């Protein structure tokens, strides 16, 4: 991997279909917006709290951005931060890892230790 991973949160059932050979084109929100939403490691916990709060059965998909080519665009999002957006299906060979993203007793998603917590507002 030549750059830091970027992350996508997928429903486990949708991801299981992708692993079974279906093309992964994103969540219903992604399909509505015309691109697959990603976040950096520094952004993903806040994205989960803002857009996926309380959602069960999610997986955290880590992707090598270098393998996405020109279909990956960095575009302005909240608080002036640039977010990675993939305009097209997610190629299977770009996926680095897939981990469960369980909910904790506080209702927040429990991220792996290498992901920083969401900022407190």
PDB file of N, CA and C in Angstrom:
ATOM      1  N   UNK A   1       0.854  -1.170   0.000  1.00  0.00           N
ATOM      2  CA  UNK A   1       0.000   0.000   0.000  1.00  0.00           C
ATOM      3  C   UNK A   1       0.896   1.228   0.000  1.00  0.00           C
ATOM      4  N   UNK A   2       0.634   2.167  -0.891  1.00  0.00           N
ATOM      5  CA  UNK A   2       1.485   3.333  -1.015  1.00  0.00           C
ATOM      6  C   UNK A   2       0.994   4.521  -0.203  1.00  0.00           C
ATOM      7  N   UNK A   3      -0.246   4.545   0.187  1.00  0.00           N
ATOM      8  CA  UNK A   3      -0.811   5.627   0.985  1.00  0.00           C
ATOM      9  C   UNK A   3      -1.553   5.012   2.160  1.00  0.00           C
ATOM     10  N   UNK A   4      -1.946   5.883   3.105  1.00  0.00           N
ATOM     11  CA  UNK A   4      -2.759   5.388   4.201  1.00  0.00           C
ATOM     12  C   UNK A   4      -4.098   4.911   3.671  1.00  0.00           C
ATOM     13  N   UNK A   5      -4.630   3.914   4.337  1.00  0.00           N
ATOM     14  CA  UNK A   5      -5.924   3.364   3.934  1.00  0.00           C
ATOM     15  C   UNK A   5      -7.022   4.410   4.091  1.00  0.00           C
ATOM     16  N   UNK A   6      -8.051   4.251   3.277  1.00  0.00           N
ATOM     17  CA  UNK A   6      -9.292   4.985   3.461  1.00  0.00           C
ATOM     18  C   UNK A   6     -10.356   3.961   3.832  1.00  0.00           C
ATOM     19  N   UNK A   7     -11.458   4.423   4.429  1.00  0.00           N
ATOM     20  CA  UNK A   7     -12.421   3.505   5.030  1.00  0.00           C
ATOM     21  C   UNK A   7     -13.840   3.761   4.540  1.00  0.00           C
ATOM     22  N   UNK A   8     -14.558   2.644   4.397  1.00  0.00           N
ATOM     23  CA  UNK A   8     -15.972   2.670   4.045  1.00  0.00           C
ATOM     24  C   UNK A   8     -16.708   1.780   5.038  1.00  0.00           C
ATOM     25  N   UNK A   9     -17.871   2.227   5.488  1.00  0.00           N
ATOM     26  CA  UNK A   9     -18.709   1.421   6.379  1.00  0.00           C
ATOM     27  C   UNK A   9     -19.826   0.810   5.550  1.00  0.00           C
ATOM     28  N   UNK A  10     -19.877  -0.508   5.539  1.00  0.00           N
ATOM     29  CA  UNK A  10     -20.877  -1.227   4.748  1.00  0.00           C
ATOM     30  C   UNK A  10     -21.713  -2.112   5.665  1.00  0.00           C
ATOM     31  N   UNK A  11     -22.946  -2.355   5.262  1.00  0.00           N
ATOM     32  CA  UNK A  11     -23.758  -3.334   5.981  1.00  0.00           C
ATOM     33  C   UNK A  11     -23.173  -4.715   5.701  1.00  0.00           C
ATOM     34  N   UNK A  12     -23.090  -5.526   6.732  1.00  0.00           N
ATOM     35  CA  UNK A  12     -22.449  -6.832   6.616  1.00  0.00           C
ATOM     36  C   UNK A  12     -23.073  -7.679   5.510  1.00  0.00           C
ATOM     37  N   UNK A  13     -24.392  -7.656   5.369  1.00  0.00           N
ATOM     38  CA  UNK A  13     -25.055  -8.460   4.335  1.00  0.00           C
ATOM     39  C   UNK A  13     -24.674  -7.974   2.934  1.00  0.00           C
ATOM     40  N   UNK A  14     -24.585  -6.658   2.754  1.00  0.00           N
ATOM     41  CA  UNK A  14     -24.170  -6.112   1.453  1.00  0.00           C
ATOM     42  C   UNK A  14     -22.737  -6.519   1.141  1.00  0.00           C
ATOM     43  N   UNK A  15     -21.897  -6.465   2.171  1.00  0.00           N
ATOM     44  CA  UNK A  15     -20.495  -6.823   1.946  1.00  0.00           C
ATOM     45  C   UNK A  15     -20.352  -8.314   1.666  1.00  0.00           C
ATOM     46  N   UNK A  16     -21.138  -9.135   2.329  1.00  0.00           N
ATOM     47  CA  UNK A  16     -21.095 -10.583   2.080  1.00  0.00           C
ATOM     48  C   UNK A  16     -21.440 -10.879   0.625  1.00  0.00           C
ATOM     49  N   UNK A  17     -22.399 -10.153   0.062  1.00  0.00           N
ATOM     50  CA  UNK A  17     -22.729 -10.346  -1.360  1.00  0.00           C
ATOM     51  C   UNK A  17     -21.550  -9.944  -2.247  1.00  0.00           C
ATOM     52  N   UNK A  18     -20.850  -8.884  -1.857  1.00  0.00           N
ATOM     53  CA  UNK A  18     -19.680  -8.460  -2.631  1.00  0.00           C
ATOM     54  C   UNK A  18     -18.588  -9.529  -2.573  1.00  0.00           C
ATOM     55  N   UNK A  19     -18.388 -10.107  -1.389  1.00  0.00           N
ATOM     56  CA  UNK A  19     -17.377 -11.156  -1.256  1.00  0.00           C
ATOM     57  C   UNK A  19     -17.763 -12.417  -2.024  1.00  0.00           C
ATOM     58  N   UNK A  20     -19.057 -12.589  -2.256  1.00  0.00           N
ATOM     59  CA  UNK A  20     -19.537 -13.750  -3.014  1.00  0.00           C
ATOM     60  C   UNK A  20     -19.457 -13.520  -4.523  1.00  0.00           C
ATOM     61  N   UNK A  21     -18.946 -12.360  -4.919  1.00  0.00           N
ATOM     62  CA  UNK A  21     -18.723 -12.121  -6.331  1.00  0.00           C
ATOM     63  C   UNK A  21     -19.536 -11.006  -6.951  1.00  0.00           C
ATOM     64  N   UNK A  22     -20.485 -10.443  -6.202  1.00  0.00           N
ATOM     65  CA  UNK A  22     -21.246  -9.321  -6.751  1.00  0.00           C
ATOM     66  C   UNK A  22     -20.382  -8.063  -6.712  1.00  0.00           C
ATOM     67  N   UNK A  23     -20.593  -7.194  -7.642  1.00  0.00           N
ATOM     68  CA  UNK A  23     -19.894  -5.913  -7.661  1.00  0.00           C
ATOM     69  C   UNK A  23     -20.441  -5.039  -6.547  1.00  0.00           C
ATOM     70  N   UNK A  24     -19.539  -4.430  -5.770  1.00  0.00           N
ATOM     71  CA  UNK A  24     -19.982  -3.540  -4.694  1.00  0.00           C
ATOM     72  C   UNK A  24     -20.049  -2.116  -5.227  1.00  0.00           C
ATOM     73  N   UNK A  25     -21.256  -1.569  -5.215  1.00  0.00           N
ATOM     74  CA  UNK A  25     -21.489  -0.216  -5.719  1.00  0.00           C
ATOM     75  C   UNK A  25     -21.881   0.752  -4.611  1.00  0.00           C
ATOM     76  N   UNK A  26     -21.883   0.260  -3.364  1.00  0.00           N
ATOM     77  CA  UNK A  26     -22.133   1.136  -2.236  1.00  0.00           C
ATOM     78  C   UNK A  26     -23.489   0.936  -1.600  1.00  0.00           C
ATOM     79  N   UNK A  27     -23.725   1.747  -0.593  1.00  0.00           N
ATOM     80  CA  UNK A  27     -24.973   1.731   0.167  1.00  0.00           C
ATOM     81  C   UNK A  27     -26.063   2.473  -0.597  1.00  0.00           C
ATOM     82  N   UNK A  28     -27.296   2.412  -0.119  1.00  0.00           N
ATOM     83  CA  UNK A  28     -28.339   3.229  -0.751  1.00  0.00           C
ATOM     84  C   UNK A  28     -27.979   4.720  -0.781  1.00  0.00           C
ATOM     85  N   UNK A  29     -27.338   5.221   0.277  1.00  0.00           N
ATOM     86  CA  UNK A  29     -26.906   6.629   0.277  1.00  0.00           C
ATOM     87  C   UNK A  29     -25.873   6.883  -0.812  1.00  0.00           C
ATOM     88  N   UNK A  30     -24.936   5.945  -0.969  1.00  0.00           N
ATOM     89  CA  UNK A  30     -23.922   6.088  -2.016  1.00  0.00           C
ATOM     90  C   UNK A  30     -24.572   6.105  -3.400  1.00  0.00           C
ATOM     91  N   UNK A  31     -25.499   5.176  -3.612  1.00  0.00           N
ATOM     92  CA  UNK A  31     -26.181   5.107  -4.908  1.00  0.00           C
ATOM     93  C   UNK A  31     -26.951   6.399  -5.186  1.00  0.00           C
ATOM     94  N   UNK A  32     -27.585   6.939  -4.157  1.00  0.00           N
ATOM     95  CA  UNK A  32     -28.315   8.212  -4.307  1.00  0.00           C
ATOM     96  C   UNK A  32     -27.363   9.349  -4.676  1.00  0.00           C
ATOM     97  N   UNK A  33     -26.192   9.375  -4.026  1.00  0.00           N
ATOM     98  CA  UNK A  33     -25.253  10.479  -4.223  1.00  0.00           C
ATOM     99  C   UNK A  33     -24.371  10.320  -5.465  1.00  0.00           C
ATOM    100  N   UNK A  34     -24.323   9.111  -6.033  1.00  0.00           N
ATOM    101  CA  UNK A  34     -23.553   8.895  -7.251  1.00  0.00           C
ATOM    102  C   UNK A  34     -22.101   8.538  -7.030  1.00  0.00           C
ATOM    103  N   UNK A  35     -21.720   8.264  -5.791  1.00  0.00           N
ATOM    104  CA  UNK A  35     -20.358   7.856  -5.487  1.00  0.00           C
ATOM    105  C   UNK A  35     -20.348   7.091  -4.164  1.00  0.00           C
ATOM    106  N   UNK A  36     -19.288   6.306  -3.943  1.00  0.00           N
ATOM    107  CA  UNK A  36     -19.130   5.591  -2.680  1.00  0.00           C
ATOM    108  C   UNK A  36     -18.394   6.505  -1.714  1.00  0.00           C
ATOM    109  N   UNK A  37     -19.005   6.724  -0.552  1.00  0.00           N
ATOM    110  CA  UNK A  37     -18.419   7.573   0.484  1.00  0.00           C
ATOM    111  C   UNK A  37     -17.301   6.834   1.220  1.00  0.00           C
ATOM    112  N   UNK A  38     -16.174   7.497   1.372  1.00  0.00           N
ATOM    113  CA  UNK A  38     -15.055   7.010   2.169  1.00  0.00           C
ATOM    114  C   UNK A  38     -14.664   8.093   3.162  1.00  0.00           C
ATOM    115  N   UNK A  39     -13.891   7.700   4.142  1.00  0.00           N
ATOM    116  CA  UNK A  39     -13.308   8.627   5.112  1.00  0.00           C
ATOM    117  C   UNK A  39     -11.873   8.201   5.356  1.00  0.00           C
ATOM    118  N   UNK A  40     -11.061   9.141   5.799  1.00  0.00           N
ATOM    119  CA  UNK A  40      -9.717   8.795   6.246  1.00  0.00           C
ATOM    120  C   UNK A  40      -9.823   8.181   7.641  1.00  0.00           C
ATOM    121  N   UNK A  41      -8.730   7.658   8.140  1.00  0.00           N
ATOM    122  CA  UNK A  41      -8.717   7.124   9.489  1.00  0.00           C
ATOM    123  C   UNK A  41      -9.069   8.172  10.533  1.00  0.00           C
ATOM    124  N   UNK A  42      -8.709   9.418  10.269  1.00  0.00           N
ATOM    125  CA  UNK A  42      -9.005  10.503  11.202  1.00  0.00           C
ATOM    126  C   UNK A  42     -10.468  10.944  11.110  1.00  0.00           C
ATOM    127  N   UNK A  43     -11.146  10.640  10.042  1.00  0.00           N
ATOM    128  CA  UNK A  43     -12.524  11.102   9.820  1.00  0.00           C
ATOM    129  C   UNK A  43     -13.586  10.046  10.103  1.00  0.00           C
ATOM    130  N   UNK A  44     -13.232   8.773  10.052  1.00  0.00           N
ATOM    131  CA  UNK A  44     -14.244   7.720   9.985  1.00  0.00           C
ATOM    132  C   UNK A  44     -15.083   7.599  11.255  1.00  0.00           C
ATOM    133  N   UNK A  45     -14.514   7.779  12.427  1.00  0.00           N
ATOM    134  CA  UNK A  45     -15.312   7.666  13.658  1.00  0.00           C
ATOM    135  C   UNK A  45     -16.357   8.774  13.722  1.00  0.00           C
ATOM    136  N   UNK A  46     -15.990   9.977  13.327  1.00  0.00           N
ATOM    137  CA  UNK A  46     -16.953  11.077  13.303  1.00  0.00           C
ATOM    138  C   UNK A  46     -18.018  10.838  12.233  1.00  0.00           C
ATOM    139  N   UNK A  47     -17.614  10.309  11.085  1.00  0.00           N
ATOM    140  CA  UNK A  47     -18.587   9.981  10.037  1.00  0.00           C
ATOM    141  C   UNK A  47     -19.589   8.952  10.534  1.00  0.00           C
ATOM    142  N   UNK A  48     -19.110   7.954  11.280  1.00  0.00           N
ATOM    143  CA  UNK A  48     -20.003   6.933  11.827  1.00  0.00           C
ATOM    144  C   UNK A  48     -20.997   7.556  12.801  1.00  0.00           C
ATOM    145  N   UNK A  49     -20.505   8.420  13.677  1.00  0.00           N
ATOM    146  CA  UNK A  49     -21.381   9.054  14.663  1.00  0.00           C
ATOM    147  C   UNK A  49     -22.417   9.947  13.982  1.00  0.00           C
ATOM    148  N   UNK A  50     -22.031  10.584  12.902  1.00  0.00           N
ATOM    149  CA  UNK A  50     -22.938  11.521  12.212  1.00  0.00           C
ATOM    150  C   UNK A  50     -23.918  10.812  11.278  1.00  0.00           C
ATOM    151  N   UNK A  51     -23.443   9.812  10.539  1.00  0.00           N
ATOM    152  CA  UNK A  51     -24.260   9.211   9.481  1.00  0.00           C
ATOM    153  C   UNK A  51     -24.710   7.780   9.742  1.00  0.00           C
ATOM    154  N   UNK A  52     -24.097   7.090  10.697  1.00  0.00           N
ATOM    155  CA  UNK A  52     -24.418   5.674  10.921  1.00  0.00           C
ATOM    156  C   UNK A  52     -24.768   5.385  12.380  1.00  0.00           C
ATOM    157  N   UNK A  53     -25.095   6.408  13.136  1.00  0.00           N
ATOM    158  CA  UNK A  53     -25.373   6.253  14.574  1.00  0.00           C
ATOM    159  C   UNK A  53     -26.413   5.165  14.812  1.00  0.00           C
ATOM    160  N   UNK A  54     -26.079   4.237  15.691  1.00  0.00           N
ATOM    161  CA  UNK A  54     -26.998   3.187  16.094  1.00  0.00           C
ATOM    162  C   UNK A  54     -27.186   2.062  15.096  1.00  0.00           C
ATOM    163  N   UNK A  55     -26.560   2.148  13.927  1.00  0.00           N
ATOM    164  CA  UNK A  55     -26.730   1.091  12.926  1.00  0.00           C
ATOM    165  C   UNK A  55     -25.924  -0.139  13.315  1.00  0.00           C
ATOM    166  N   UNK A  56     -26.608  -1.269  13.333  1.00  0.00           N
ATOM    167  CA  UNK A  56     -25.971  -2.540  13.667  1.00  0.00           C
ATOM    168  C   UNK A  56     -25.490  -3.237  12.402  1.00  0.00           C
ATOM    169  N   UNK A  57     -24.683  -4.254  12.611  1.00  0.00           N
ATOM    170  CA  UNK A  57     -24.237  -5.140  11.534  1.00  0.00           C
ATOM    171  C   UNK A  57     -23.469  -4.409  10.431  1.00  0.00           C
ATOM    172  N   UNK A  58     -22.583  -3.510  10.853  1.00  0.00           N
ATOM    173  CA  UNK A  58     -21.708  -2.843   9.896  1.00  0.00           C
ATOM    174  C   UNK A  58     -20.330  -3.487   9.921  1.00  0.00           C
ATOM    175  N   UNK A  59     -19.638  -3.367   8.799  1.00  0.00           N
ATOM    176  CA  UNK A  59     -18.233  -3.746   8.726  1.00  0.00           C
ATOM    177  C   UNK A  59     -17.442  -2.530   8.257  1.00  0.00           C
ATOM    178  N   UNK A  60     -16.190  -2.482   8.689  1.00  0.00           N
ATOM    179  CA  UNK A  60     -15.282  -1.416   8.306  1.00  0.00           C
ATOM    180  C   UNK A  60     -14.368  -1.958   7.220  1.00  0.00           C
ATOM    181  N   UNK A  61     -14.492  -1.412   6.029  1.00  0.00           N
ATOM    182  CA  UNK A  61     -13.720  -1.863   4.874  1.00  0.00           C
ATOM    183  C   UNK A  61     -12.556  -0.897   4.667  1.00  0.00           C
ATOM    184  N   UNK A  62     -11.333  -1.405   4.814  1.00  0.00           N
ATOM    185  CA  UNK A  62     -10.131  -0.606   4.574  1.00  0.00           C
ATOM    186  C   UNK A  62      -9.690  -0.822   3.133  1.00  0.00           C
ATOM    187  N   UNK A  63      -9.372   0.267   2.464  1.00  0.00           N
ATOM    188  CA  UNK A  63      -9.069   0.233   1.032  1.00  0.00           C
ATOM    189  C   UNK A  63      -7.767   0.983   0.756  1.00  0.00           C
ATOM    190  N   UNK A  64      -6.978   0.461  -0.156  1.00  0.00           N
ATOM    191  CA  UNK A  64      -5.755   1.119  -0.617  1.00  0.00           C
ATOM    192  C   UNK A  64      -6.151   2.142  -1.683  1.00  0.00           C
ATOM    193  N   UNK A  65      -6.045   3.438  -1.395  1.00  0.00           N
ATOM    194  CA  UNK A  65      -6.486   4.442  -2.370  1.00  0.00           C
ATOM    195  C   UNK A  65      -5.673   4.441  -3.658  1.00  0.00           C
ATOM    196  N   UNK A  66      -4.437   3.961  -3.595  1.00  0.00           N
ATOM    197  CA  UNK A  66      -3.596   3.934  -4.796  1.00  0.00           C
ATOM    198  C   UNK A  66      -4.153   2.994  -5.863  1.00  0.00           C
ATOM    199  N   UNK A  67      -4.995   2.046  -5.454  1.00  0.00           N
ATOM    200  CA  UNK A  67      -5.550   1.079  -6.410  1.00  0.00           C
ATOM    201  C   UNK A  67      -6.890   1.531  -7.010  1.00  0.00           C
ATOM    202  N   UNK A  68      -7.313   2.745  -6.694  1.00  0.00           N
ATOM    203  CA  UNK A  68      -8.610   3.214  -7.186  1.00  0.00           C
ATOM    204  C   UNK A  68      -8.497   4.112  -8.415  1.00  0.00           C
ATOM    205  N   UNK A  69      -7.293   4.532  -8.733  1.00  0.00           N
ATOM    206  CA  UNK A  69      -7.065   5.310  -9.942  1.00  0.00           C
ATOM    207  C   UNK A  69      -7.817   6.626  -9.967  1.00  0.00           C
ATOM    208  N   UNK A  70      -8.151   7.043 -11.180  1.00  0.00           N
ATOM    209  CA  UNK A  70      -8.804   8.335 -11.383  1.00  0.00           C
ATOM    210  C   UNK A  70     -10.254   8.365 -10.916  1.00  0.00           C
ATOM    211  N   UNK A  71     -10.820   7.214 -10.566  1.00  0.00           N
ATOM    212  CA  UNK A  71     -12.207   7.181 -10.074  1.00  0.00           C
ATOM    213  C   UNK A  71     -12.316   7.742  -8.657  1.00  0.00           C
ATOM    214  N   UNK A  72     -11.172   7.873  -7.959  1.00  0.00           N
ATOM    215  CA  UNK A  72     -11.166   8.431  -6.612  1.00  0.00           C
ATOM    216  C   UNK A  72     -10.952   9.936  -6.689  1.00  0.00           C
ATOM    217  N   UNK A  73     -11.874  10.664  -6.102  1.00  0.00           N
ATOM    218  CA  UNK A  73     -11.799  12.132  -6.057  1.00  0.00           C
ATOM    219  C   UNK A  73     -11.846  12.575  -4.604  1.00  0.00           C
ATOM    220  N   UNK A  74     -11.052  13.575  -4.274  1.00  0.00           N
ATOM    221  CA  UNK A  74     -11.077  14.174  -2.944  1.00  0.00           C
ATOM    222  C   UNK A  74     -11.889  15.457  -3.053  1.00  0.00           C
ATOM    223  N   UNK A  75     -12.989  15.514  -2.294  1.00  0.00           N
ATOM    224  CA  UNK A  75     -13.921  16.632  -2.422  1.00  0.00           C
ATOM    225  C   UNK A  75     -14.252  17.221  -1.057  1.00  0.00           C
ATOM    226  N   UNK A  76     -14.537  18.503  -1.053  1.00  0.00           N
ATOM    227  CA  UNK A  76     -14.823  19.222   0.189  1.00  0.00           C
ATOM    228  C   UNK A  76     -16.064  18.663   0.876  1.00  0.00           C
ATOM    229  N   UNK A  77     -15.970  18.530   2.181  1.00  0.00           N
ATOM    230  CA  UNK A  77     -17.069  18.059   3.007  1.00  0.00           C
ATOM    231  C   UNK A  77     -17.208  18.950   4.223  1.00  0.00           C
ATOM    232  N   UNK A  78     -17.602  18.358   5.335  1.00  0.00           N
ATOM    233  CA  UNK A  78     -17.852  19.141   6.546  1.00  0.00           C
ATOM    234  C   UNK A  78     -16.577  19.817   7.059  1.00  0.00           C
ATOM    235  N   UNK A  79     -16.779  20.989   7.612  1.00  0.00           N
ATOM    236  CA  UNK A  79     -15.710  21.806   8.205  1.00  0.00           C
ATOM    237  C   UNK A  79     -14.511  21.995   7.275  1.00  0.00           C
ATOM    238  N   UNK A  80     -14.780  22.036   5.985  1.00  0.00           N
ATOM    239  CA  UNK A  80     -13.724  22.285   5.013  1.00  0.00           C
ATOM    240  C   UNK A  80     -12.759  21.135   4.785  1.00  0.00           C
ATOM    241  N   UNK A  81     -13.050  19.962   5.345  1.00  0.00           N
ATOM    242  CA  UNK A  81     -12.191  18.802   5.139  1.00  0.00           C
ATOM    243  C   UNK A  81     -12.472  18.169   3.778  1.00  0.00           C
ATOM    244  N   UNK A  82     -11.439  17.643   3.153  1.00  0.00           N
ATOM    245  CA  UNK A  82     -11.616  16.874   1.919  1.00  0.00           C
ATOM    246  C   UNK A  82     -11.879  15.418   2.281  1.00  0.00           C
ATOM    247  N   UNK A  83     -12.866  14.828   1.610  1.00  0.00           N
ATOM    248  CA  UNK A  83     -13.236  13.432   1.807  1.00  0.00           C
ATOM    249  C   UNK A  83     -13.037  12.673   0.506  1.00  0.00           C
ATOM    250  N   UNK A  84     -12.604  11.411   0.595  1.00  0.00           N
ATOM    251  CA  UNK A  84     -12.456  10.597  -0.609  1.00  0.00           C
ATOM    252  C   UNK A  84     -13.802  10.032  -1.073  1.00  0.00           C
ATOM    253  N   UNK A  85     -14.080  10.192  -2.356  1.00  0.00           N
ATOM    254  CA  UNK A  85     -15.309   9.680  -2.975  1.00  0.00           C
ATOM    255  C   UNK A  85     -14.907   8.850  -4.186  1.00  0.00           C
ATOM    256  N   UNK A  86     -15.470   7.655  -4.279  1.00  0.00           N
ATOM    257  CA  UNK A  86     -15.167   6.762  -5.401  1.00  0.00           C
ATOM    258  C   UNK A  86     -16.316   6.781  -6.390  1.00  0.00           C
ATOM    259  N   UNK A  87     -16.043   7.236  -7.603  1.00  0.00           N
ATOM    260  CA  UNK A  87     -17.034   7.300  -8.669  1.00  0.00           C
ATOM    261  C   UNK A  87     -16.936   6.035  -9.513  1.00  0.00           C
ATOM    262  N   UNK A  88     -17.580   4.992  -9.032  1.00  0.00           N
ATOM    263  CA  UNK A  88     -17.574   3.704  -9.701  1.00  0.00           C
ATOM    264  C   UNK A  88     -17.590   2.609  -8.659  1.00  0.00           C
ATOM    265  N   UNK A  89     -17.640   1.362  -9.121  1.00  0.00           N
ATOM    266  CA  UNK A  89     -17.653   0.238  -8.183  1.00  0.00           C
ATOM    267  C   UNK A  89     -16.300   0.086  -7.484  1.00  0.00           C
ATOM    268  N   UNK A  90     -16.326  -0.557  -6.333  1.00  0.00           N
ATOM    269  CA  UNK A  90     -15.110  -0.799  -5.560  1.00  0.00           C
ATOM    270  C   UNK A  90     -14.429  -2.065  -6.065  1.00  0.00           C
ATOM    271  N   UNK A  91     -13.214  -1.956  -6.609  1.00  0.00           N
ATOM    272  CA  UNK A  91     -12.509  -3.155  -7.079  1.00  0.00           C
ATOM    273  C   UNK A  91     -12.075  -4.028  -5.894  1.00  0.00           C
ATOM    274  N   UNK A  92     -12.299  -5.311  -5.988  1.00  0.00           N
ATOM    275  CA  UNK A  92     -11.981  -6.236  -4.899  1.00  0.00           C
ATOM    276  C   UNK A  92     -10.501  -6.204  -4.541  1.00  0.00           C
ATOM    277  N   UNK A  93      -9.625  -5.997  -5.529  1.00  0.00           N
ATOM    278  CA  UNK A  93      -8.191  -6.018  -5.238  1.00  0.00           C
ATOM    279  C   UNK A  93      -7.700  -4.785  -4.492  1.00  0.00           C
ATOM    280  N   UNK A  94      -8.550  -3.785  -4.312  1.00  0.00           N
ATOM    281  CA  UNK A  94      -8.179  -2.594  -3.548  1.00  0.00           C
ATOM    282  C   UNK A  94      -8.457  -2.756  -2.053  1.00  0.00           C
ATOM    283  N   UNK A  95      -9.224  -3.772  -1.692  1.00  0.00           N
ATOM    284  CA  UNK A  95      -9.608  -3.978  -0.290  1.00  0.00           C
ATOM    285  C   UNK A  95      -8.437  -4.593   0.474  1.00  0.00           C
ATOM    286  N   UNK A  96      -8.067  -3.929   1.560  1.00  0.00           N
ATOM    287  CA  UNK A  96      -6.952  -4.361   2.396  1.00  0.00           C
ATOM    288  C   UNK A  96      -7.442  -5.244   3.537  1.00  0.00           C
ATOM    289  N   UNK A  97      -8.556  -4.858   4.159  1.00  0.00           N
ATOM    290  CA  UNK A  97      -9.109  -5.637   5.271  1.00  0.00           C
ATOM    291  C   UNK A  97     -10.575  -5.283   5.458  1.00  0.00           C
ATOM    292  N   UNK A  98     -11.278  -6.191   6.141  1.00  0.00           N
ATOM    293  CA  UNK A  98     -12.676  -5.987   6.500  1.00  0.00           C
ATOM    294  C   UNK A  98     -12.818  -6.453   7.944  1.00  0.00           C
ATOM    295  N   UNK A  99     -13.310  -5.557   8.806  1.00  0.00           N
ATOM    296  CA  UNK A  99     -13.456  -5.875  10.223  1.00  0.00           C
ATOM    297  C   UNK A  99     -14.870  -5.557  10.684  1.00  0.00           C
ATOM    298  N   UNK A 100     -15.404  -6.323  11.620  1.00  0.00           N
ATOM    299  CA  UNK A 100     -16.714  -5.979  12.187  1.00  0.00           C
ATOM    300  C   UNK A 100     -16.648  -4.611  12.861  1.00  0.00           C
ATOM    301  N   UNK A 101     -17.766  -3.917  12.858  1.00  0.00           N
ATOM    302  CA  UNK A 101     -17.850  -2.594  13.486  1.00  0.00           C
ATOM    303  C   UNK A 101     -19.016  -2.615  14.481  1.00  0.00           C
ATOM    304  N   UNK A 102     -18.794  -3.253  15.637  1.00  0.00           N
ATOM    305  CA  UNK A 102     -19.890  -3.426  16.599  1.00  0.00           C
ATOM    306  C   UNK A 102     -20.251  -2.131  17.305  1.00  0.00           C
ATOM    307  N   UNK A 103     -21.448  -2.128  17.868  1.00  0.00           N
ATOM    308  CA  UNK A 103     -21.888  -1.022  18.709  1.00  0.00           C
ATOM    309  C   UNK A 103     -21.485  -1.306  20.145  1.00  0.00           C
ATOM    310  N   UNK A 104     -21.006  -0.284  20.825  1.00  0.00           N
ATOM    311  CA  UNK A 104     -20.689  -0.405  22.239  1.00  0.00           C
ATOM    312  C   UNK A 104     -21.922  -0.133  23.086  1.00  0.00           C
ATOM    313  N   UNK A 105     -21.777  -0.287  24.379  1.00  0.00           N
ATOM    314  CA  UNK A 105     -22.899  -0.051  25.296  1.00  0.00           C
ATOM    315  C   UNK A 105     -23.353   1.402  25.276  1.00  0.00           C
ATOM    316  N   UNK A 106     -22.484   2.302  24.809  1.00  0.00           N
ATOM    317  CA  UNK A 106     -22.841   3.718  24.694  1.00  0.00           C
ATOM    318  C   UNK A 106     -23.552   4.033  23.382  1.00  0.00           C
ATOM    319  N   UNK A 107     -23.738   3.018  22.532  1.00  0.00           N
ATOM    320  CA  UNK A 107     -24.412   3.213  21.254  1.00  0.00           C
ATOM    321  C   UNK A 107     -23.494   3.687  20.138  1.00  0.00           C
ATOM    322  N   UNK A 108     -22.217   3.878  20.447  1.00  0.00           N
ATOM    323  CA  UNK A 108     -21.248   4.297  19.434  1.00  0.00           C
ATOM    324  C   UNK A 108     -20.523   3.073  18.883  1.00  0.00           C
ATOM    325  N   UNK A 109     -20.085   3.176  17.639  1.00  0.00           N
ATOM    326  CA  UNK A 109     -19.352   2.075  17.027  1.00  0.00           C
ATOM    327  C   UNK A 109     -17.973   1.949  17.669  1.00  0.00           C
ATOM    328  N   UNK A 110     -17.550   0.715  17.833  1.00  0.00           N
ATOM    329  CA  UNK A 110     -16.262   0.408  18.451  1.00  0.00           C
ATOM    330  C   UNK A 110     -15.244   0.140  17.347  1.00  0.00           C
ATOM    331  N   UNK A 111     -14.346   1.099  17.152  1.00  0.00           N
ATOM    332  CA  UNK A 111     -13.353   1.018  16.085  1.00  0.00           C
ATOM    333  C   UNK A 111     -12.094   0.306  16.553  1.00  0.00           C
ATOM    334  N   UNK A 112     -11.333  -0.244  15.610  1.00  0.00           N
ATOM    335  CA  UNK A 112     -10.041  -0.837  15.967  1.00  0.00           C
ATOM    336  C   UNK A 112      -9.145   0.230  16.617  1.00  0.00           C
ATOM    337  N   UNK A 113      -8.152  -0.192  17.388  1.00  0.00           N
ATOM    338  CA  UNK A 113      -7.321   0.760  18.125  1.00  0.00           C
ATOM    339  C   UNK A 113      -6.584   1.782  17.265  1.00  0.00           C
ATOM    340  N   UNK A 114      -6.301   1.463  16.004  1.00  0.00           N
ATOM    341  CA  UNK A 114      -5.553   2.406  15.159  1.00  0.00           C
ATOM    342  C   UNK A 114      -6.418   3.550  14.628  1.00  0.00           C
ATOM    343  N   UNK A 115      -7.721   3.518  14.890  1.00  0.00           N
ATOM    344  CA  UNK A 115      -8.617   4.589  14.443  1.00  0.00           C
ATOM    345  C   UNK A 115      -8.857   5.544  15.612  1.00  0.00           C
ATOM    346  N   UNK A 116      -8.555   6.844  15.451  1.00  0.00           N
ATOM    347  CA  UNK A 116      -8.794   7.776  16.554  1.00  0.00           C
ATOM    348  C   UNK A 116     -10.284   7.984  16.813  1.00  0.00           C
ATOM    349  N   UNK A 117     -10.648   8.274  18.069  1.00  0.00           N
ATOM    350  CA  UNK A 117     -12.067   8.484  18.392  1.00  0.00           C
ATOM    351  C   UNK A 117     -12.598   9.751  17.732  1.00  0.00           C
ATOM    352  N   UNK A 118     -13.918   9.819  17.631  1.00  0.00           N
ATOM    353  CA  UNK A 118     -14.575  11.000  17.083  1.00  0.00           C
ATOM    354  C   UNK A 118     -14.338  12.177  18.029  1.00  0.00           C
ATOM    355  N   UNK A 119     -14.152  13.382  17.486  1.00  0.00           N
ATOM    356  CA  UNK A 119     -13.996  14.543  18.351  1.00  0.00           C
ATOM    357  C   UNK A 119     -15.284  14.815  19.135  1.00  0.00           C
ATOM    358  N   UNK A 120     -15.120  15.315  20.329  1.00  0.00           N
ATOM    359  CA  UNK A 120     -16.265  15.682  21.160  1.00  0.00           C
ATOM    360  C   UNK A 120     -16.675  17.094  20.816  1.00  0.00           C
ATOM    361  N   UNK A 121     -17.948  17.286  20.533  1.00  0.00           N
ATOM    362  CA  UNK A 121     -18.420  18.640  20.179  1.00  0.00           C
ATOM    363  C   UNK A 121     -19.124  19.278  21.333  1.00  0.00           C
TER     364      UNK A 121
END
